Amino acid sequence: MKQTQRIIQILLLLFLTQATKAFSQINIWEGTDVGHRVMMTPYLAPGDHRPAVIVCPGGSYFWHDMVNEGDSVGRWLQRNGISAFVLRYRTAYVPAFIFHYRLLFHGNRHPDPINDLRQALRYVRSHARQFGVDTTRLGVMGFSAGGHLAMSSVELLPKSEWPAFVAPIYPVVTMSADCVHKRSRRGLLGDSREHNRRLQDSLSLERHVPADCPPVFLLNCKDDPIVDYHNSELLDSALTARHAPHIYIQYKTGGHGFGASSKEGTAESRQWRQRFLVWLHGIFAESDVDIYNKETKQ
């Protein structure tokens, strides 16, 4: 009898897990003429009219870090009263990294990632009532190559579709300067186009900051071993020159890829999460963006 009950409990748990998974995974292109399956996972904060963030994990435009820069970020934002939508935008993927087949075949490359982010913004806005999201407080956060994608949303998309704020975290910025992250450039442009100067310039963030750019939260670490810290300095200089509202935080230590992890990076770099919450609270001056004590809640 006990064994039967145990089997029933296991089967019920599996059913509930699959049901939850099916509900939580959204194909942003479903019901459209675009024949792609691009998944987005919501982490909804309780209540209505919540601020929200579309999260773009990094991975050199070849893959995604869905742990530190995906799931961990979504859960952290959710805990702090902010709904999150983690987007698995199209990348070149590992086979393209290994075999360079995009020298001959198209594969995934620009503008696929920005088209996915554009559709994600449209999807969240069109389902805002269902998600309990305030579309006037919908932003984009990205890490590494995902930070490049996040900032691209205000440089490549029409102003009518811009997010309310952008948070590039240790982002890839340039596609043309000496400090370029070459793997990300290859991932985004494709093997046959990675040395195309016109395309490089058009996708270098430091060259195209709009004068009326929405608020930007920019962060990196000077000891970053993956993406040269000068990338963020280039973007900071461009934002300053355009008088764009922004905050730039550069930590001495922390490296790269720590995302919202409570273990990766350093004690110094992990402070960014609290700094972001305070910054977001400030730009909207809303009491319902809950500011938690970083030592007890994160």
Protein backbone atom coordinates (compact mmCIF):
# COMPACT_ATOMS: atom_id res chain seq x y z
CA MET A 1 0.00 0.00 0.00
CA LYS A 2 2.76 2.40 0.94
CA GLN A 3 4.63 1.54 -2.24
CA THR A 4 1.52 2.24 -4.34
CA GLN A 5 1.05 5.59 -2.62
CA ARG A 6 4.70 6.40 -3.24
CA ILE A 7 4.35 5.61 -6.96
CA ILE A 8 1.23 7.77 -7.19
CA GLN A 9 3.06 10.62 -5.46
CA ILE A 10 5.98 10.34 -7.87
CA LEU A 11 3.68 10.26 -10.91
CA LEU A 12 1.75 13.26 -9.59
CA LEU A 13 4.99 15.14 -8.99
CA LEU A 14 6.17 14.40 -12.52
CA PHE A 15 2.85 15.55 -13.94
CA LEU A 16 2.92 18.78 -11.99
CA THR A 17 6.55 19.38 -12.98
CA GLN A 18 5.76 18.91 -16.66
CA ALA A 19 2.62 21.06 -16.40
CA THR A 20 4.59 23.82 -14.73
CA LYS A 21 7.35 23.55 -17.30
CA ALA A 22 4.87 23.70 -20.17
CA PHE A 23 3.17 26.73 -18.68
CA SER A 24 6.43 28.54 -17.93
CA GLN A 25 8.00 28.09 -21.35
CA ILE A 26 6.79 30.50 -24.03
CA ASN A 27 7.62 30.31 -27.72
CA ILE A 28 7.64 34.00 -28.59
CA TRP A 29 7.14 33.30 -32.32
CA GLU A 30 4.20 30.94 -31.91
CA GLY A 31 1.21 32.05 -33.98
CA THR A 32 3.34 34.19 -36.31
CA ASP A 33 4.69 33.65 -39.81
CA VAL A 34 8.22 33.31 -38.43
CA GLY A 35 9.14 29.64 -38.41
CA HIS A 36 11.42 29.67 -35.39
CA ARG A 37 11.09 28.26 -31.90
CA VAL A 38 12.57 30.81 -29.50
CA MET A 39 11.78 30.20 -25.86
CA MET A 40 11.25 32.69 -23.04
CA THR A 41 10.77 31.77 -19.37
CA PRO A 42 8.73 34.08 -17.10
CA TYR A 43 9.50 34.60 -13.41
CA LEU A 44 6.45 36.56 -12.34
CA ALA A 45 6.44 38.67 -9.20
CA PRO A 46 3.11 38.64 -7.33
CA GLY A 47 0.75 41.55 -7.81
CA ASP A 48 -0.28 43.78 -10.69
CA HIS A 49 1.50 46.57 -12.57
CA ARG A 50 4.91 45.24 -11.62
CA PRO A 51 8.13 46.52 -13.17
CA ALA A 52 9.60 43.90 -15.48
CA VAL A 53 12.89 42.98 -17.15
CA ILE A 54 13.65 40.88 -20.20
CA VAL A 55 16.89 39.07 -19.40
CA CYS A 56 19.44 38.22 -22.12
CA PRO A 57 22.06 35.72 -20.90
CA GLY A 58 25.56 35.91 -22.33
CA GLY A 59 27.56 33.36 -24.27
CA SER A 60 29.49 35.12 -27.05
CA TYR A 61 26.46 34.93 -29.36
CA PHE A 62 27.28 31.20 -29.65
CA TRP A 63 25.47 29.77 -26.59
CA HIS A 64 23.74 30.88 -23.37
CA ASP A 65 24.76 30.87 -19.72
CA MET A 66 21.34 29.87 -18.42
CA VAL A 67 22.54 29.35 -14.83
CA ASN A 68 24.32 32.46 -13.50
CA GLU A 69 22.91 34.80 -16.16
CA GLY A 70 19.52 33.20 -16.73
CA ASP A 71 17.69 31.30 -14.01
CA SER A 72 19.58 32.95 -11.12
CA VAL A 73 18.82 36.41 -12.49
CA GLY A 74 15.14 35.61 -13.03
CA ARG A 75 14.69 34.29 -9.50
CA TRP A 76 16.61 37.18 -7.93
CA LEU A 77 14.48 39.78 -9.71
CA GLN A 78 11.30 37.89 -8.85
CA ARG A 79 12.25 37.81 -5.15
CA ASN A 80 12.60 41.57 -5.26
CA GLY A 81 9.19 42.32 -6.72
CA ILE A 82 10.30 42.57 -10.36
CA SER A 83 8.93 40.21 -12.98
CA ALA A 84 11.60 38.71 -15.22
CA PHE A 85 11.47 37.05 -18.64
CA VAL A 86 14.61 35.08 -19.49
CA LEU A 87 15.05 34.98 -23.26
CA ARG A 88 16.89 32.21 -25.09
CA TYR A 89 17.45 34.32 -28.21
CA ARG A 90 18.95 32.74 -31.31
CA THR A 91 22.71 32.22 -31.27
CA ALA A 92 25.10 30.52 -33.67
CA TYR A 93 25.35 27.52 -31.28
CA VAL A 94 28.27 25.18 -30.61
CA PRO A 95 28.45 23.38 -34.01
CA ALA A 96 28.96 26.73 -35.75
CA PHE A 97 31.72 27.56 -33.26
CA ILE A 98 33.53 24.29 -33.97
CA PHE A 99 33.05 23.81 -37.70
CA HIS A 100 32.84 27.36 -39.12
CA TYR A 101 30.09 26.19 -41.47
CA ARG A 102 28.68 29.71 -41.69
CA LEU A 103 31.41 30.46 -44.20
CA LEU A 104 29.13 28.66 -46.66
CA PHE A 105 25.71 28.54 -44.99
CA HIS A 106 23.67 31.28 -43.38
CA GLY A 107 23.03 29.82 -39.94
CA ASN A 108 21.96 32.10 -37.09
CA ARG A 109 23.55 35.55 -37.11
CA HIS A 110 22.64 39.24 -37.05
CA PRO A 111 19.86 40.35 -37.15
CA ASP A 112 18.37 37.17 -35.61
CA PRO A 113 19.13 38.03 -31.94
CA ILE A 114 17.76 41.59 -32.13
CA ASN A 115 14.67 40.34 -33.98
CA ASP A 116 14.08 37.90 -31.13
CA LEU A 117 14.47 40.61 -28.51
CA ARG A 118 12.12 42.87 -30.45
CA GLN A 119 9.51 40.10 -30.54
CA ALA A 120 10.01 39.41 -26.83
CA LEU A 121 9.29 43.07 -26.04
CA ARG A 122 6.19 42.94 -28.21
CA TYR A 123 5.04 39.69 -26.60
CA VAL A 124 5.37 40.95 -23.03
CA ARG A 125 3.61 44.20 -23.90
CA SER A 126 0.74 42.43 -25.63
CA HIS A 127 0.29 40.07 -22.65
CA ALA A 128 0.95 42.69 -19.97
CA ARG A 129 -2.42 42.27 -18.28
CA GLN A 130 -1.99 38.50 -18.10
CA PHE A 131 1.50 38.87 -16.63
CA GLY A 132 0.63 41.75 -14.29
CA VAL A 133 3.31 43.92 -15.89
CA ASP A 134 3.49 47.70 -16.16
CA THR A 135 4.70 48.28 -19.72
CA THR A 136 5.96 51.76 -18.84
CA ARG A 137 8.50 50.06 -16.57
CA LEU A 138 9.64 47.27 -18.88
CA GLY A 139 13.42 47.14 -19.30
CA VAL A 140 16.10 44.90 -20.75
CA MET A 141 19.09 43.47 -18.87
CA GLY A 142 21.89 41.57 -20.57
CA PHE A 143 25.19 39.98 -19.65
CA SER A 144 28.36 39.94 -21.77
CA ALA A 145 27.15 39.36 -25.37
CA GLY A 146 23.63 39.61 -23.94
CA GLY A 147 24.63 43.07 -22.70
CA HIS A 148 25.46 44.01 -26.26
CA LEU A 149 22.04 42.76 -27.31
CA ALA A 150 20.30 44.64 -24.50
CA MET A 151 21.92 47.95 -25.46
CA SER A 152 21.19 47.26 -29.13
CA SER A 153 17.49 47.51 -28.29
CA VAL A 154 17.80 51.30 -28.03
CA GLU A 155 20.27 51.66 -30.89
CA LEU A 156 18.72 49.40 -33.53
CA LEU A 157 14.99 49.40 -32.78
CA PRO A 158 12.52 52.21 -33.48
CA LYS A 159 12.06 54.59 -30.57
CA SER A 160 8.42 53.51 -30.23
CA GLU A 161 9.66 50.04 -29.27
CA TRP A 162 12.44 51.01 -26.88
CA PRO A 163 12.49 49.55 -23.36
CA ALA A 164 12.09 51.96 -20.45
CA PHE A 165 15.65 51.25 -19.25
CA VAL A 166 18.67 49.13 -20.14
CA ALA A 167 21.16 47.30 -17.93
CA PRO A 168 24.27 46.03 -19.77
CA ILE A 169 26.32 43.98 -17.28
CA TYR A 170 30.01 43.48 -18.21
CA PRO A 171 28.89 43.92 -21.83
CA VAL A 172 30.52 43.34 -25.16
CA VAL A 173 30.36 46.81 -26.71
CA THR A 174 32.55 47.36 -29.74
CA MET A 175 32.80 45.34 -32.93
CA SER A 176 35.55 47.49 -34.43
CA ALA A 177 37.93 48.85 -31.76
CA ASP A 178 41.11 47.07 -30.65
CA CYS A 179 39.43 45.82 -27.45
CA VAL A 180 36.81 43.87 -29.40
CA HIS A 181 35.77 40.47 -28.08
CA LYS A 182 36.49 38.55 -31.26
CA ARG A 183 34.45 35.45 -30.41
CA SER A 184 31.32 37.53 -29.90
CA ARG A 185 31.96 39.41 -33.12
CA ARG A 186 32.28 36.16 -35.02
CA GLY A 187 29.20 34.77 -33.30
CA LEU A 188 27.05 37.78 -34.17
CA LEU A 189 28.30 38.66 -37.64
CA GLY A 190 28.97 35.15 -38.91
CA ASP A 191 32.20 33.71 -40.32
CA SER A 192 31.67 35.16 -43.78
CA ARG A 193 31.01 38.68 -42.48
CA GLU A 194 33.08 39.09 -39.32
CA HIS A 195 35.61 41.33 -41.10
CA ASN A 196 33.01 43.46 -42.86
CA ARG A 197 33.90 46.98 -41.69
CA ARG A 198 30.52 48.49 -42.46
CA LEU A 199 28.76 45.83 -40.41
CA GLN A 200 31.29 46.09 -37.61
CA ASP A 201 30.75 49.83 -37.36
CA SER A 202 26.96 49.53 -37.49
CA LEU A 203 26.98 47.14 -34.53
CA SER A 204 29.56 48.97 -32.39
CA LEU A 205 27.48 50.37 -29.54
CA GLU A 206 29.82 53.26 -28.79
CA ARG A 207 29.07 54.72 -32.22
CA HIS A 208 25.27 54.85 -32.09
CA VAL A 209 24.01 56.01 -28.69
CA PRO A 210 20.82 58.02 -29.34
CA ALA A 211 20.57 61.52 -27.90
CA ASP A 212 17.34 60.66 -26.09
CA CYS A 213 18.54 57.32 -24.78
CA PRO A 214 16.54 55.87 -21.85
CA PRO A 215 18.33 55.36 -18.50
CA VAL A 216 21.26 52.93 -18.57
CA PHE A 217 22.80 50.91 -15.73
CA LEU A 218 26.32 49.92 -16.84
CA LEU A 219 28.63 47.66 -14.86
CA ASN A 220 31.89 45.78 -15.32
CA CYS A 221 35.04 44.69 -13.50
CA LYS A 222 38.55 45.85 -14.30
CA ASP A 223 39.97 42.35 -13.88
CA ASP A 224 37.58 40.86 -16.45
CA PRO A 225 39.60 38.14 -18.25
CA ILE A 226 37.05 37.59 -21.05
CA VAL A 227 35.70 40.95 -22.24
CA ASP A 228 38.27 43.74 -22.08
CA TYR A 229 37.13 46.34 -19.53
CA HIS A 230 37.70 49.07 -22.11
CA ASN A 231 34.45 47.94 -23.76
CA SER A 232 32.41 49.41 -20.92
CA GLU A 233 34.58 52.50 -20.77
CA LEU A 234 33.87 53.12 -24.46
CA LEU A 235 30.13 52.90 -23.81
CA ASP A 236 30.35 55.10 -20.73
CA SER A 237 32.19 57.77 -22.75
CA ALA A 238 29.60 57.58 -25.53
CA LEU A 239 26.70 57.85 -23.08
CA THR A 240 28.37 60.83 -21.40
CA ALA A 241 28.99 62.57 -24.71
CA ARG A 242 25.32 62.17 -25.64
CA HIS A 243 24.20 63.38 -22.18
CA ALA A 244 22.35 60.08 -21.72
CA PRO A 245 21.09 59.39 -18.18
CA HIS A 246 23.22 56.57 -16.87
CA ILE A 247 25.25 55.19 -14.02
CA TYR A 248 28.58 53.47 -14.61
CA ILE A 249 30.01 51.19 -11.92
CA GLN A 250 33.45 49.66 -12.38
CA TYR A 251 34.62 47.23 -9.72
CA LYS A 252 38.27 46.31 -9.31
CA THR A 253 37.55 42.62 -8.85
CA GLY A 254 34.89 40.15 -9.92
CA GLY A 255 36.00 38.89 -13.29
CA HIS A 256 33.29 37.82 -15.72
CA GLY A 257 30.22 35.63 -15.81
CA PHE A 258 29.09 35.94 -12.20
CA GLY A 259 25.58 37.09 -13.11
CA ALA A 260 23.29 36.96 -10.09
CA SER A 261 25.18 34.12 -8.44
CA SER A 262 25.72 34.37 -4.70
CA LYS A 263 29.02 32.48 -5.01
CA GLU A 264 30.67 33.49 -8.28
CA GLY A 265 32.66 36.70 -8.65
CA THR A 266 33.79 38.51 -5.51
CA ALA A 267 32.13 40.13 -2.53
CA GLU A 268 32.81 43.44 -4.25
CA SER A 269 31.22 42.53 -7.58
CA ARG A 270 28.18 40.88 -5.97
CA GLN A 271 27.20 44.30 -4.63
CA TRP A 272 25.90 45.16 -8.10
CA ARG A 273 22.55 43.53 -7.42
CA GLN A 274 21.71 45.85 -4.55
CA ARG A 275 23.04 48.83 -6.50
CA PHE A 276 20.76 47.95 -9.39
CA LEU A 277 17.68 47.69 -7.14
CA VAL A 278 18.43 51.07 -5.59
CA TRP A 279 19.00 52.59 -9.04
CA LEU A 280 15.76 51.15 -10.40
CA HIS A 281 13.87 52.39 -7.37
CA GLY A 282 15.34 55.83 -8.00
CA ILE A 283 14.48 56.16 -11.69
CA PHE A 284 10.86 55.20 -11.08
CA ALA A 285 10.55 56.47 -7.50
CA GLU A 286 8.15 53.63 -6.79
CA SER A 287 7.84 52.11 -3.34
CA ASP A 288 6.70 48.77 -4.75
CA VAL A 289 10.19 47.97 -6.07
CA ASP A 290 11.23 46.15 -2.92
CA ILE A 291 14.78 46.89 -1.77
CA TYR A 292 16.03 43.93 0.22
CA ASN A 293 19.03 43.90 2.53
CA LYS A 294 21.78 42.32 0.47
CA GLU A 295 23.33 40.47 3.44
CA THR A 296 20.12 38.72 4.48
CA LYS A 297 18.10 38.38 1.27
CA GLN A 298 20.71 37.77 -1.43
